[in-house]
Full PDB file with SEQRES, HELIX, SHEET, SSBOND, CRYST1, ORIGX, SCALE, CONECT and MASTER records, all heavy atoms in Angstrom:
SEQRES   1 A   42  ILE ASP GLY GLU GLN ALA PHE SER MET GLY LEU VAL ASN          
SEQRES   2 A   42  HIS ALA VAL PRO GLN ASN SER GLN GLY ASP ALA ALA TYR          
SEQRES   3 A   42  GLN ARG ALA LEU THR LEU ALA LYS GLU ILE LEU PRO GLN          
SEQRES   4 A   42  ALA PRO PHE                                                  
HELIX    1 AA1 GLY A    3  SER A    8  1                                   6    
HELIX    2 AA2 ALA A   24  ILE A   36  1                                  13    
CRYST1    1.000    1.000    1.000  90.00  90.00  90.00 P 1           1          
ORIGX1      1.000000  0.000000  0.000000        0.00000                         
ORIGX2      0.000000  1.000000  0.000000        0.00000                         
ORIGX3      0.000000  0.000000  1.000000        0.00000                         
SCALE1      1.000000  0.000000  0.000000        0.00000                         
SCALE2      0.000000  1.000000  0.000000        0.00000                         
SCALE3      0.000000  0.000000  1.000000        0.00000                         
ATOM      1  N   ILE A   1       9.718-131.105  -4.618  1.00  0.00           N  
ATOM      2  CA  ILE A   1       8.899-130.462  -5.644  1.00  0.00           C  
ATOM      3  C   ILE A   1       7.450-130.899  -5.469  1.00  0.00           C  
ATOM      4  O   ILE A   1       7.174-131.946  -4.879  1.00  0.00           O  
ATOM      5  CB  ILE A   1       9.401-130.796  -7.067  1.00  0.00           C  
ATOM      6  CG1 ILE A   1       9.399-132.308  -7.305  1.00  0.00           C  
ATOM      7  CG2 ILE A   1      10.788-130.205  -7.297  1.00  0.00           C  
ATOM      8  CD1 ILE A   1       9.693-132.717  -8.728  1.00  0.00           C  
ATOM      9  N   ASP A   2       6.527-130.093  -6.002  1.00  0.00           N  
ATOM     10  CA  ASP A   2       5.121-130.469  -5.911  1.00  0.00           C  
ATOM     11  C   ASP A   2       4.693-131.206  -7.189  1.00  0.00           C  
ATOM     12  O   ASP A   2       5.494-131.379  -8.121  1.00  0.00           O  
ATOM     13  CB  ASP A   2       4.242-129.252  -5.622  1.00  0.00           C  
ATOM     14  CG  ASP A   2       4.232-128.209  -6.737  1.00  0.00           C  
ATOM     15  OD1 ASP A   2       4.459-128.553  -7.921  1.00  0.00           O  
ATOM     16  OD2 ASP A   2       3.965-127.037  -6.424  1.00  0.00           O  
ATOM     17  N   GLY A   3       3.452-131.631  -7.223  1.00  0.00           N  
ATOM     18  CA  GLY A   3       2.951-132.408  -8.352  1.00  0.00           C  
ATOM     19  C   GLY A   3       2.996-131.671  -9.673  1.00  0.00           C  
ATOM     20  O   GLY A   3       3.295-132.264 -10.713  1.00  0.00           O  
ATOM     21  N   GLU A   4       2.714-130.379  -9.656  1.00  0.00           N  
ATOM     22  CA  GLU A   4       2.750-129.589 -10.890  1.00  0.00           C  
ATOM     23  C   GLU A   4       4.174-129.499 -11.430  1.00  0.00           C  
ATOM     24  O   GLU A   4       4.401-129.640 -12.639  1.00  0.00           O  
ATOM     25  CB  GLU A   4       2.176-128.191 -10.665  1.00  0.00           C  
ATOM     26  CG  GLU A   4       0.674-128.167 -10.454  1.00  0.00           C  
ATOM     27  CD  GLU A   4      -0.122-128.625 -11.665  1.00  0.00           C  
ATOM     28  OE1 GLU A   4       0.336-128.452 -12.814  1.00  0.00           O  
ATOM     29  OE2 GLU A   4      -1.216-129.170 -11.457  1.00  0.00           O  
ATOM     30  N   GLN A   5       5.128-129.244 -10.547  1.00  0.00           N  
ATOM     31  CA  GLN A   5       6.534-129.193 -10.974  1.00  0.00           C  
ATOM     32  C   GLN A   5       6.963-130.564 -11.501  1.00  0.00           C  
ATOM     33  O   GLN A   5       7.667-130.647 -12.515  1.00  0.00           O  
ATOM     34  CB  GLN A   5       7.423-128.772  -9.808  1.00  0.00           C  
ATOM     35  CG  GLN A   5       7.219-127.340  -9.368  1.00  0.00           C  
ATOM     36  CD  GLN A   5       7.900-127.054  -8.042  1.00  0.00           C  
ATOM     37  OE1 GLN A   5       7.694-127.762  -7.057  1.00  0.00           O  
ATOM     38  NE2 GLN A   5       8.724-126.019  -8.022  1.00  0.00           N  
ATOM     39  N   ALA A   6       6.547-131.615 -10.819  1.00  0.00           N  
ATOM     40  CA  ALA A   6       6.896-132.969 -11.253  1.00  0.00           C  
ATOM     41  C   ALA A   6       6.333-133.263 -12.635  1.00  0.00           C  
ATOM     42  O   ALA A   6       6.994-133.885 -13.476  1.00  0.00           O  
ATOM     43  CB  ALA A   6       6.388-133.993 -10.234  1.00  0.00           C  
ATOM     44  N   PHE A   7       5.111-132.799 -12.888  1.00  0.00           N  
ATOM     45  CA  PHE A   7       4.505-132.991 -14.201  1.00  0.00           C  
ATOM     46  C   PHE A   7       5.273-132.220 -15.271  1.00  0.00           C  
ATOM     47  O   PHE A   7       5.560-132.753 -16.345  1.00  0.00           O  
ATOM     48  CB  PHE A   7       3.037-132.565 -14.189  1.00  0.00           C  
ATOM     49  CG  PHE A   7       2.383-132.660 -15.528  1.00  0.00           C  
ATOM     50  CD1 PHE A   7       2.057-133.892 -16.072  1.00  0.00           C  
ATOM     51  CD2 PHE A   7       2.099-131.513 -16.257  1.00  0.00           C  
ATOM     52  CE1 PHE A   7       1.468-133.983 -17.335  1.00  0.00           C  
ATOM     53  CE2 PHE A   7       1.499-131.590 -17.504  1.00  0.00           C  
ATOM     54  CZ  PHE A   7       1.183-132.831 -18.041  1.00  0.00           C  
ATOM     55  N   SER A   8       5.646-130.986 -14.969  1.00  0.00           N  
ATOM     56  CA  SER A   8       6.321-130.158 -15.966  1.00  0.00           C  
ATOM     57  C   SER A   8       7.684-130.722 -16.358  1.00  0.00           C  
ATOM     58  O   SER A   8       8.153-130.483 -17.460  1.00  0.00           O  
ATOM     59  CB  SER A   8       6.461-128.711 -15.488  1.00  0.00           C  
ATOM     60  OG  SER A   8       7.419-128.611 -14.461  1.00  0.00           O  
ATOM     61  N   MET A   9       8.319-131.479 -15.463  1.00  0.00           N  
ATOM     62  CA  MET A   9       9.618-132.065 -15.798  1.00  0.00           C  
ATOM     63  C   MET A   9       9.525-133.520 -16.245  1.00  0.00           C  
ATOM     64  O   MET A   9      10.538-134.146 -16.515  1.00  0.00           O  
ATOM     65  CB  MET A   9      10.607-131.915 -14.628  1.00  0.00           C  
ATOM     66  CG  MET A   9      10.211-132.612 -13.371  1.00  0.00           C  
ATOM     67  SD  MET A   9      11.398-132.387 -11.998  1.00  0.00           S  
ATOM     68  CE  MET A   9      11.321-130.651 -11.698  1.00  0.00           C  
ATOM     69  N   GLY A  10       8.308-134.049 -16.334  1.00  0.00           N  
ATOM     70  CA  GLY A  10       8.131-135.413 -16.820  1.00  0.00           C  
ATOM     71  C   GLY A  10       8.296-136.487 -15.761  1.00  0.00           C  
ATOM     72  O   GLY A  10       8.340-137.667 -16.083  1.00  0.00           O  
ATOM     73  N   LEU A  11       8.345-136.099 -14.504  1.00  0.00           N  
ATOM     74  CA  LEU A  11       8.479-137.082 -13.422  1.00  0.00           C  
ATOM     75  C   LEU A  11       7.180-137.844 -13.207  1.00  0.00           C  
ATOM     76  O   LEU A  11       7.187-139.023 -12.871  1.00  0.00           O  
ATOM     77  CB  LEU A  11       8.916-136.387 -12.131  1.00  0.00           C  
ATOM     78  CG  LEU A  11       9.048-137.236 -10.883  1.00  0.00           C  
ATOM     79  CD1 LEU A  11       9.989-138.411 -11.084  1.00  0.00           C  
ATOM     80  CD2 LEU A  11       9.538-136.377  -9.723  1.00  0.00           C  
ATOM     81  N   VAL A  12       6.049-137.160 -13.394  1.00  0.00           N  
ATOM     82  CA  VAL A  12       4.750-137.823 -13.291  1.00  0.00           C  
ATOM     83  C   VAL A  12       4.004-137.664 -14.600  1.00  0.00           C  
ATOM     84  O   VAL A  12       4.209-136.704 -15.336  1.00  0.00           O  
ATOM     85  CB  VAL A  12       3.903-137.286 -12.101  1.00  0.00           C  
ATOM     86  CG1 VAL A  12       4.627-137.507 -10.780  1.00  0.00           C  
ATOM     87  CG2 VAL A  12       3.523-135.835 -12.277  1.00  0.00           C  
ATOM     88  N   ASN A  13       3.129-138.619 -14.895  1.00  0.00           N  
ATOM     89  CA  ASN A  13       2.348-138.589 -16.120  1.00  0.00           C  
ATOM     90  C   ASN A  13       1.193-137.608 -16.042  1.00  0.00           C  
ATOM     91  O   ASN A  13       0.791-137.030 -17.057  1.00  0.00           O  
ATOM     92  CB  ASN A  13       1.788-139.978 -16.435  1.00  0.00           C  
ATOM     93  CG  ASN A  13       2.875-141.000 -16.620  1.00  0.00           C  
ATOM     94  OD1 ASN A  13       3.471-141.446 -15.647  1.00  0.00           O  
ATOM     95  ND2 ASN A  13       3.156-141.362 -17.845  1.00  0.00           N  
ATOM     96  N   HIS A  14       0.636-137.454 -14.837  1.00  0.00           N  
ATOM     97  CA  HIS A  14      -0.505-136.573 -14.628  1.00  0.00           C  
ATOM     98  C   HIS A  14      -0.379-135.901 -13.269  1.00  0.00           C  
ATOM     99  O   HIS A  14       0.041-136.542 -12.301  1.00  0.00           O  
ATOM    100  CB  HIS A  14      -1.826-137.357 -14.667  1.00  0.00           C  
ATOM    101  CG  HIS A  14      -2.035-138.113 -15.928  1.00  0.00           C  
ATOM    102  ND1 HIS A  14      -2.575-137.543 -17.059  1.00  0.00           N  
ATOM    103  CD2 HIS A  14      -1.744-139.398 -16.258  1.00  0.00           C  
ATOM    104  CE1 HIS A  14      -2.624-138.452 -18.019  1.00  0.00           C  
ATOM    105  NE2 HIS A  14      -2.124-139.583 -17.563  1.00  0.00           N  
ATOM    106  N   ALA A  15      -0.779-134.642 -13.199  1.00  0.00           N  
ATOM    107  CA  ALA A  15      -0.921-133.927 -11.931  1.00  0.00           C  
ATOM    108  C   ALA A  15      -2.361-133.437 -11.876  1.00  0.00           C  
ATOM    109  O   ALA A  15      -2.851-132.827 -12.837  1.00  0.00           O  
ATOM    110  CB  ALA A  15       0.046-132.756 -11.838  1.00  0.00           C  
ATOM    111  N   VAL A  16      -3.035-133.731 -10.780  1.00  0.00           N  
ATOM    112  CA  VAL A  16      -4.448-133.396 -10.649  1.00  0.00           C  
ATOM    113  C   VAL A  16      -4.679-132.605  -9.370  1.00  0.00           C  
ATOM    114  O   VAL A  16      -3.989-132.828  -8.369  1.00  0.00           O  
ATOM    115  CB  VAL A  16      -5.323-134.669 -10.661  1.00  0.00           C  
ATOM    116  CG1 VAL A  16      -5.250-135.370 -12.006  1.00  0.00           C  
ATOM    117  CG2 VAL A  16      -4.925-135.631  -9.553  1.00  0.00           C  
ATOM    118  N   PRO A  17      -5.633-131.677  -9.392  1.00  0.00           N  
ATOM    119  CA  PRO A  17      -5.942-130.939  -8.161  1.00  0.00           C  
ATOM    120  C   PRO A  17      -6.440-131.910  -7.085  1.00  0.00           C  
ATOM    121  O   PRO A  17      -7.218-132.823  -7.385  1.00  0.00           O  
ATOM    122  CB  PRO A  17      -7.055-129.973  -8.575  1.00  0.00           C  
ATOM    123  CG  PRO A  17      -7.037-129.943 -10.061  1.00  0.00           C  
ATOM    124  CD  PRO A  17      -6.451-131.238 -10.521  1.00  0.00           C  
ATOM    125  N   GLN A  18      -5.999-131.702  -5.864  1.00  0.00           N  
ATOM    126  CA  GLN A  18      -6.424-132.584  -4.782  1.00  0.00           C  
ATOM    127  C   GLN A  18      -7.910-132.361  -4.484  1.00  0.00           C  
ATOM    128  O   GLN A  18      -8.401-131.250  -4.590  1.00  0.00           O  
ATOM    129  CB  GLN A  18      -5.580-132.335  -3.521  1.00  0.00           C  
ATOM    130  CG  GLN A  18      -5.796-133.341  -2.397  1.00  0.00           C  
ATOM    131  CD  GLN A  18      -5.586-134.776  -2.804  1.00  0.00           C  
ATOM    132  OE1 GLN A  18      -6.475-135.398  -3.402  1.00  0.00           O  
ATOM    133  NE2 GLN A  18      -4.411-135.313  -2.517  1.00  0.00           N  
ATOM    134  N   ASN A  19      -8.611-133.425  -4.129  1.00  0.00           N  
ATOM    135  CA  ASN A  19     -10.029-133.332  -3.783  1.00  0.00           C  
ATOM    136  C   ASN A  19     -10.201-133.348  -2.261  1.00  0.00           C  
ATOM    137  O   ASN A  19      -9.229-133.501  -1.519  1.00  0.00           O  
ATOM    138  CB  ASN A  19     -10.828-134.463  -4.459  1.00  0.00           C  
ATOM    139  CG  ASN A  19     -10.356-135.843  -4.030  1.00  0.00           C  
ATOM    140  OD1 ASN A  19      -9.803-136.038  -2.948  1.00  0.00           O  
ATOM    141  ND2 ASN A  19     -10.584-136.824  -4.894  1.00  0.00           N  
ATOM    142  N   SER A  20     -11.431-133.182  -1.808  1.00  0.00           N  
ATOM    143  CA  SER A  20     -11.685-133.105  -0.364  1.00  0.00           C  
ATOM    144  C   SER A  20     -11.444-134.440   0.343  1.00  0.00           C  
ATOM    145  O   SER A  20     -11.190-134.461   1.552  1.00  0.00           O  
ATOM    146  CB  SER A  20     -13.113-132.619  -0.099  1.00  0.00           C  
ATOM    147  OG  SER A  20     -14.051-133.507  -0.685  1.00  0.00           O  
ATOM    148  N   GLN A  21     -11.494-135.546  -0.385  1.00  0.00           N  
ATOM    149  CA  GLN A  21     -11.215-136.854   0.206  1.00  0.00           C  
ATOM    150  C   GLN A  21      -9.716-137.145   0.295  1.00  0.00           C  
ATOM    151  O   GLN A  21      -9.303-138.100   0.943  1.00  0.00           O  
ATOM    152  CB  GLN A  21     -11.891-137.988  -0.594  1.00  0.00           C  
ATOM    153  CG  GLN A  21     -13.405-137.973  -0.546  1.00  0.00           C  
ATOM    154  CD  GLN A  21     -13.990-136.951  -1.510  1.00  0.00           C  
ATOM    155  OE1 GLN A  21     -13.407-136.637  -2.559  1.00  0.00           O  
ATOM    156  NE2 GLN A  21     -15.132-136.392  -1.170  1.00  0.00           N  
ATOM    157  N   GLY A  22      -8.913-136.344  -0.385  1.00  0.00           N  
ATOM    158  CA  GLY A  22      -7.468-136.546  -0.366  1.00  0.00           C  
ATOM    159  C   GLY A  22      -6.999-137.703  -1.221  1.00  0.00           C  
ATOM    160  O   GLY A  22      -5.907-138.229  -1.020  1.00  0.00           O  
ATOM    161  N   ASP A  23      -7.818-138.104  -2.213  1.00  0.00           N  
ATOM    162  CA  ASP A  23      -7.435-139.243  -3.054  1.00  0.00           C  
ATOM    163  C   ASP A  23      -7.542-138.956  -4.550  1.00  0.00           C  
ATOM    164  O   ASP A  23      -7.812-139.844  -5.352  1.00  0.00           O  
ATOM    165  CB  ASP A  23      -8.268-140.476  -2.686  1.00  0.00           C  
ATOM    166  CG  ASP A  23      -9.742-140.364  -3.086  1.00  0.00           C  
ATOM    167  OD1 ASP A  23     -10.205-139.263  -3.456  1.00  0.00           O  
ATOM    168  OD2 ASP A  23     -10.430-141.396  -3.039  1.00  0.00           O  
ATOM    169  N   ALA A  24      -7.317-137.714  -4.938  1.00  0.00           N  
ATOM    170  CA  ALA A  24      -7.454-137.332  -6.352  1.00  0.00           C  
ATOM    171  C   ALA A  24      -6.501-138.106  -7.254  1.00  0.00           C  
ATOM    172  O   ALA A  24      -6.887-138.543  -8.342  1.00  0.00           O  
ATOM    173  CB  ALA A  24      -7.237-135.833  -6.515  1.00  0.00           C  
ATOM    174  N   ALA A  25      -5.258-138.289  -6.816  1.00  0.00           N  
ATOM    175  CA  ALA A  25      -4.298-139.036  -7.639  1.00  0.00           C  
ATOM    176  C   ALA A  25      -4.739-140.490  -7.776  1.00  0.00           C  
ATOM    177  O   ALA A  25      -4.630-141.079  -8.852  1.00  0.00           O  
ATOM    178  CB  ALA A  25      -2.898-138.953  -7.034  1.00  0.00           C  
ATOM    179  N   TYR A  26      -5.240-141.057  -6.698  1.00  0.00           N  
ATOM    180  CA  TYR A  26      -5.728-142.432  -6.749  1.00  0.00           C  
ATOM    181  C   TYR A  26      -6.896-142.550  -7.726  1.00  0.00           C  
ATOM    182  O   TYR A  26      -6.941-143.483  -8.537  1.00  0.00           O  
ATOM    183  CB  TYR A  26      -6.128-142.902  -5.354  1.00  0.00           C  
ATOM    184  CG  TYR A  26      -6.748-144.273  -5.331  1.00  0.00           C  
ATOM    185  CD1 TYR A  26      -6.028-145.391  -5.739  1.00  0.00           C  
ATOM    186  CD2 TYR A  26      -8.054-144.452  -4.906  1.00  0.00           C  
ATOM    187  CE1 TYR A  26      -6.595-146.652  -5.727  1.00  0.00           C  
ATOM    188  CE2 TYR A  26      -8.633-145.715  -4.883  1.00  0.00           C  
ATOM    189  CZ  TYR A  26      -7.902-146.816  -5.300  1.00  0.00           C  
ATOM    190  OH  TYR A  26      -8.465-148.060  -5.287  1.00  0.00           O  
ATOM    191  N   GLN A  27      -7.830-141.605  -7.672  1.00  0.00           N  
ATOM    192  CA  GLN A  27      -8.970-141.647  -8.586  1.00  0.00           C  
ATOM    193  C   GLN A  27      -8.517-141.544 -10.039  1.00  0.00           C  
ATOM    194  O   GLN A  27      -9.010-142.267 -10.908  1.00  0.00           O  
ATOM    195  CB  GLN A  27      -9.979-140.544  -8.243  1.00  0.00           C  
ATOM    196  CG  GLN A  27     -10.652-140.726  -6.890  1.00  0.00           C  
ATOM    197  CD  GLN A  27     -11.370-142.055  -6.752  1.00  0.00           C  
ATOM    198  OE1 GLN A  27     -11.998-142.535  -7.693  1.00  0.00           O  
ATOM    199  NE2 GLN A  27     -11.275-142.671  -5.581  1.00  0.00           N  
ATOM    200  N   ARG A  28      -7.530-140.670 -10.310  1.00  0.00           N  
ATOM    201  CA  ARG A  28      -7.005-140.545 -11.682  1.00  0.00           C  
ATOM    202  C   ARG A  28      -6.248-141.806 -12.075  1.00  0.00           C  
ATOM    203  O   ARG A  28      -6.308-142.242 -13.225  1.00  0.00           O  
ATOM    204  CB  ARG A  28      -6.113-139.305 -11.799  1.00  0.00           C  
ATOM    205  CG  ARG A  28      -5.545-139.095 -13.195  1.00  0.00           C  
ATOM    206  CD  ARG A  28      -6.660-138.826 -14.212  1.00  0.00           C  
ATOM    207  NE  ARG A  28      -6.141-138.625 -15.537  1.00  0.00           N  
ATOM    208  CZ  ARG A  28      -6.071-139.575 -16.492  1.00  0.00           C  
ATOM    209  NH1 ARG A  28      -6.507-140.804 -16.248  1.00  0.00           N  
ATOM    210  NH2 ARG A  28      -5.579-139.300 -17.676  1.00  0.00           N  
ATOM    211  N   ALA A  29      -5.536-142.413 -11.122  1.00  0.00           N  
ATOM    212  CA  ALA A  29      -4.818-143.664 -11.397  1.00  0.00           C  
ATOM    213  C   ALA A  29      -5.804-144.783 -11.748  1.00  0.00           C  
ATOM    214  O   ALA A  29      -5.537-145.585 -12.652  1.00  0.00           O  
ATOM    215  CB  ALA A  29      -3.961-144.063 -10.201  1.00  0.00           C  
ATOM    216  N   LEU A  30      -6.937-144.826 -11.068  1.00  0.00           N  
ATOM    217  CA  LEU A  30      -7.963-145.832 -11.398  1.00  0.00           C  
ATOM    218  C   LEU A  30      -8.512-145.610 -12.799  1.00  0.00           C  
ATOM    219  O   LEU A  30      -8.729-146.574 -13.540  1.00  0.00           O  
ATOM    220  CB  LEU A  30      -9.106-145.783 -10.379  1.00  0.00           C  
ATOM    221  CG  LEU A  30      -8.806-146.329  -8.996  1.00  0.00           C  
ATOM    222  CD1 LEU A  30     -10.045-146.201  -8.103  1.00  0.00           C  
ATOM    223  CD2 LEU A  30      -8.345-147.771  -9.051  1.00  0.00           C  
ATOM    224  N   THR A  31      -8.726-144.350 -13.173  1.00  0.00           N  
ATOM    225  CA  THR A  31      -9.192-144.042 -14.528  1.00  0.00           C  
ATOM    226  C   THR A  31      -8.165-144.512 -15.560  1.00  0.00           C  
ATOM    227  O   THR A  31      -8.526-145.108 -16.582  1.00  0.00           O  
ATOM    228  CB  THR A  31      -9.454-142.527 -14.674  1.00  0.00           C  
ATOM    229  OG1 THR A  31     -10.452-142.153 -13.727  1.00  0.00           O  
ATOM    230  CG2 THR A  31      -9.898-142.166 -16.077  1.00  0.00           C  
ATOM    231  N   LEU A  32      -6.909-144.263 -15.280  1.00  0.00           N  
ATOM    232  CA  LEU A  32      -5.835-144.707 -16.172  1.00  0.00           C  
ATOM    233  C   LEU A  32      -5.803-146.234 -16.261  1.00  0.00           C  
ATOM    234  O   LEU A  32      -5.673-146.802 -17.352  1.00  0.00           O  
ATOM    235  CB  LEU A  32      -4.505-144.150 -15.670  1.00  0.00           C  
ATOM    236  CG  LEU A  32      -3.278-144.280 -16.541  1.00  0.00           C  
ATOM    237  CD1 LEU A  32      -3.495-143.727 -17.941  1.00  0.00           C  
ATOM    238  CD2 LEU A  32      -2.106-143.577 -15.867  1.00  0.00           C  
ATOM    239  N   ALA A  33      -5.937-146.899 -15.115  1.00  0.00           N  
ATOM    240  CA  ALA A  33      -5.963-148.368 -15.101  1.00  0.00           C  
ATOM    241  C   ALA A  33      -7.122-148.892 -15.939  1.00  0.00           C  
ATOM    242  O   ALA A  33      -6.974-149.877 -16.677  1.00  0.00           O  
ATOM    243  CB  ALA A  33      -6.056-148.883 -13.663  1.00  0.00           C  
ATOM    244  N   LYS A  34      -8.268-148.216 -15.850  1.00  0.00           N  
ATOM    245  CA  LYS A  34      -9.440-148.643 -16.621  1.00  0.00           C  
ATOM    246  C   LYS A  34      -9.231-148.446 -18.120  1.00  0.00           C  
ATOM    247  O   LYS A  34      -9.867-149.130 -18.927  1.00  0.00           O  
ATOM    248  CB  LYS A  34     -10.683-147.899 -16.141  1.00  0.00           C  
ATOM    249  CG  LYS A  34     -11.141-148.370 -14.773  1.00  0.00           C  
ATOM    250  CD  LYS A  34     -12.293-147.529 -14.248  1.00  0.00           C  
ATOM    251  CE  LYS A  34     -12.634-147.934 -12.829  1.00  0.00           C  
ATOM    252  NZ  LYS A  34     -13.625-147.029 -12.214  1.00  0.00           N  
ATOM    253  N   GLU A  35      -8.359-147.529 -18.507  1.00  0.00           N  
ATOM    254  CA  GLU A  35      -8.016-147.367 -19.919  1.00  0.00           C  
ATOM    255  C   GLU A  35      -7.129-148.510 -20.401  1.00  0.00           C  
ATOM    256  O   GLU A  35      -7.147-148.874 -21.577  1.00  0.00           O  
ATOM    257  CB  GLU A  35      -7.289-146.043 -20.147  1.00  0.00           C  
ATOM    258  CG  GLU A  35      -8.148-144.811 -20.048  1.00  0.00           C  
ATOM    259  CD  GLU A  35      -7.339-143.553 -20.334  1.00  0.00           C  
ATOM    260  OE1 GLU A  35      -6.787-143.433 -21.450  1.00  0.00           O  
ATOM    261  OE2 GLU A  35      -7.250-142.705 -19.427  1.00  0.00           O  
ATOM    262  N   ILE A  36      -6.319-149.059 -19.493  1.00  0.00           N  
ATOM    263  CA  ILE A  36      -5.400-150.146 -19.835  1.00  0.00           C  
ATOM    264  C   ILE A  36      -6.137-151.486 -19.889  1.00  0.00           C  
ATOM    265  O   ILE A  36      -5.851-152.321 -20.755  1.00  0.00           O  
ATOM    266  CB  ILE A  36      -4.230-150.198 -18.816  1.00  0.00           C  
ATOM    267  CG1 ILE A  36      -3.397-148.920 -18.907  1.00  0.00           C  
ATOM    268  CG2 ILE A  36      -3.368-151.441 -19.025  1.00  0.00           C  
ATOM    269  CD1 ILE A  36      -2.399-148.733 -17.771  1.00  0.00           C  
ATOM    270  N   LEU A  37      -7.089-151.696 -18.985  1.00  0.00           N  
ATOM    271  CA  LEU A  37      -7.750-152.997 -18.850  1.00  0.00           C  
ATOM    272  C   LEU A  37      -8.333-153.582 -20.134  1.00  0.00           C  
ATOM    273  O   LEU A  37      -8.201-154.785 -20.362  1.00  0.00           O  
ATOM    274  CB  LEU A  37      -8.835-152.934 -17.769  1.00  0.00           C  
ATOM    275  CG  LEU A  37      -8.323-152.917 -16.344  1.00  0.00           C  
ATOM    276  CD1 LEU A  37      -9.475-152.768 -15.363  1.00  0.00           C  
ATOM    277  CD2 LEU A  37      -7.514-154.158 -16.028  1.00  0.00           C  
ATOM    278  N   PRO A  38      -8.976-152.793 -21.001  1.00  0.00           N  
ATOM    279  CA  PRO A  38      -9.556-153.411 -22.202  1.00  0.00           C  
ATOM    280  C   PRO A  38      -8.527-153.841 -23.248  1.00  0.00           C  
ATOM    281  O   PRO A  38      -8.863-154.542 -24.198  1.00  0.00           O  
ATOM    282  CB  PRO A  38     -10.479-152.340 -22.777  1.00  0.00           C  
ATOM    283  CG  PRO A  38     -10.352-151.139 -21.940  1.00  0.00           C  
ATOM    284  CD  PRO A  38      -9.359-151.397 -20.868  1.00  0.00           C  
ATOM    285  N   GLN A  39      -7.284-153.420 -23.082  1.00  0.00           N  
ATOM    286  CA  GLN A  39      -6.260-153.746 -24.078  1.00  0.00           C  
ATOM    287  C   GLN A  39      -5.846-155.219 -23.923  1.00  0.00           C  
ATOM    288  O   GLN A  39      -5.988-155.814 -22.857  1.00  0.00           O  
ATOM    289  CB  GLN A  39      -5.064-152.817 -23.929  1.00  0.00           C  
ATOM    290  CG  GLN A  39      -5.411-151.333 -23.876  1.00  0.00           C  
ATOM    291  CD  GLN A  39      -6.438-150.892 -24.899  1.00  0.00           C  
ATOM    292  OE1 GLN A  39      -6.387-151.269 -26.060  1.00  0.00           O  
ATOM    293  NE2 GLN A  39      -7.396-150.094 -24.456  1.00  0.00           N  
ATOM    294  N   ALA A  40      -5.328-155.769 -24.982  1.00  0.00           N  
ATOM    295  CA  ALA A  40      -4.927-157.181 -24.977  1.00  0.00           C  
ATOM    296  C   ALA A  40      -3.833-157.409 -23.940  1.00  0.00           C  
ATOM    297  O   ALA A  40      -2.769-156.792 -24.017  1.00  0.00           O  
ATOM    298  CB  ALA A  40      -4.439-157.584 -26.362  1.00  0.00           C  
ATOM    299  N   PRO A  41      -4.085-158.277 -22.952  1.00  0.00           N  
ATOM    300  CA  PRO A  41      -3.124-158.461 -21.851  1.00  0.00           C  
ATOM    301  C   PRO A  41      -1.725-158.858 -22.321  1.00  0.00           C  
ATOM    302  O   PRO A  41      -0.731-158.329 -21.822  1.00  0.00           O  
ATOM    303  CB  PRO A  41      -3.738-159.571 -20.994  1.00  0.00           C  
ATOM    304  CG  PRO A  41      -5.137-159.707 -21.424  1.00  0.00           C  
ATOM    305  CD  PRO A  41      -5.254-159.112 -22.801  1.00  0.00           C  
ATOM    306  N   PHE A  42      -1.651-159.760 -23.273  1.00  0.00           N  
ATOM    307  CA  PHE A  42      -0.341-160.202 -23.750  1.00  0.00           C  
ATOM    308  C   PHE A  42       0.399-159.059 -24.433  1.00  0.00           C  
ATOM    309  O   PHE A  42       1.602-158.869 -24.220  1.00  0.00           O  
ATOM    310  CB  PHE A  42      -0.493-161.397 -24.705  1.00  0.00           C  
ATOM    311  CG  PHE A  42       0.821-161.956 -25.169  1.00  0.00           C  
ATOM    312  CD1 PHE A  42       1.608-162.718 -24.321  1.00  0.00           C  
ATOM    313  CD2 PHE A  42       1.285-161.703 -26.457  1.00  0.00           C  
ATOM    314  CE1 PHE A  42       2.826-163.222 -24.731  1.00  0.00           C  
ATOM    315  CE2 PHE A  42       2.505-162.200 -26.876  1.00  0.00           C  
ATOM    316  CZ  PHE A  42       3.283-162.969 -26.014  1.00  0.00           C  
TER     317      PHE A  42                                                      
MASTER        0    0    0    2    0    0    0    6  316    1    0    4          
END                                                                             
């Protein structure tokens, strides 16, 4: 299955259009990580 199908069935949290560098998922994953970082680690 592709990323869109995976998203529609809940296999992935986010599906993003691929960029010219081929790292769109990585860039979105970094954004997600940055949302987690300010939260209390414990």
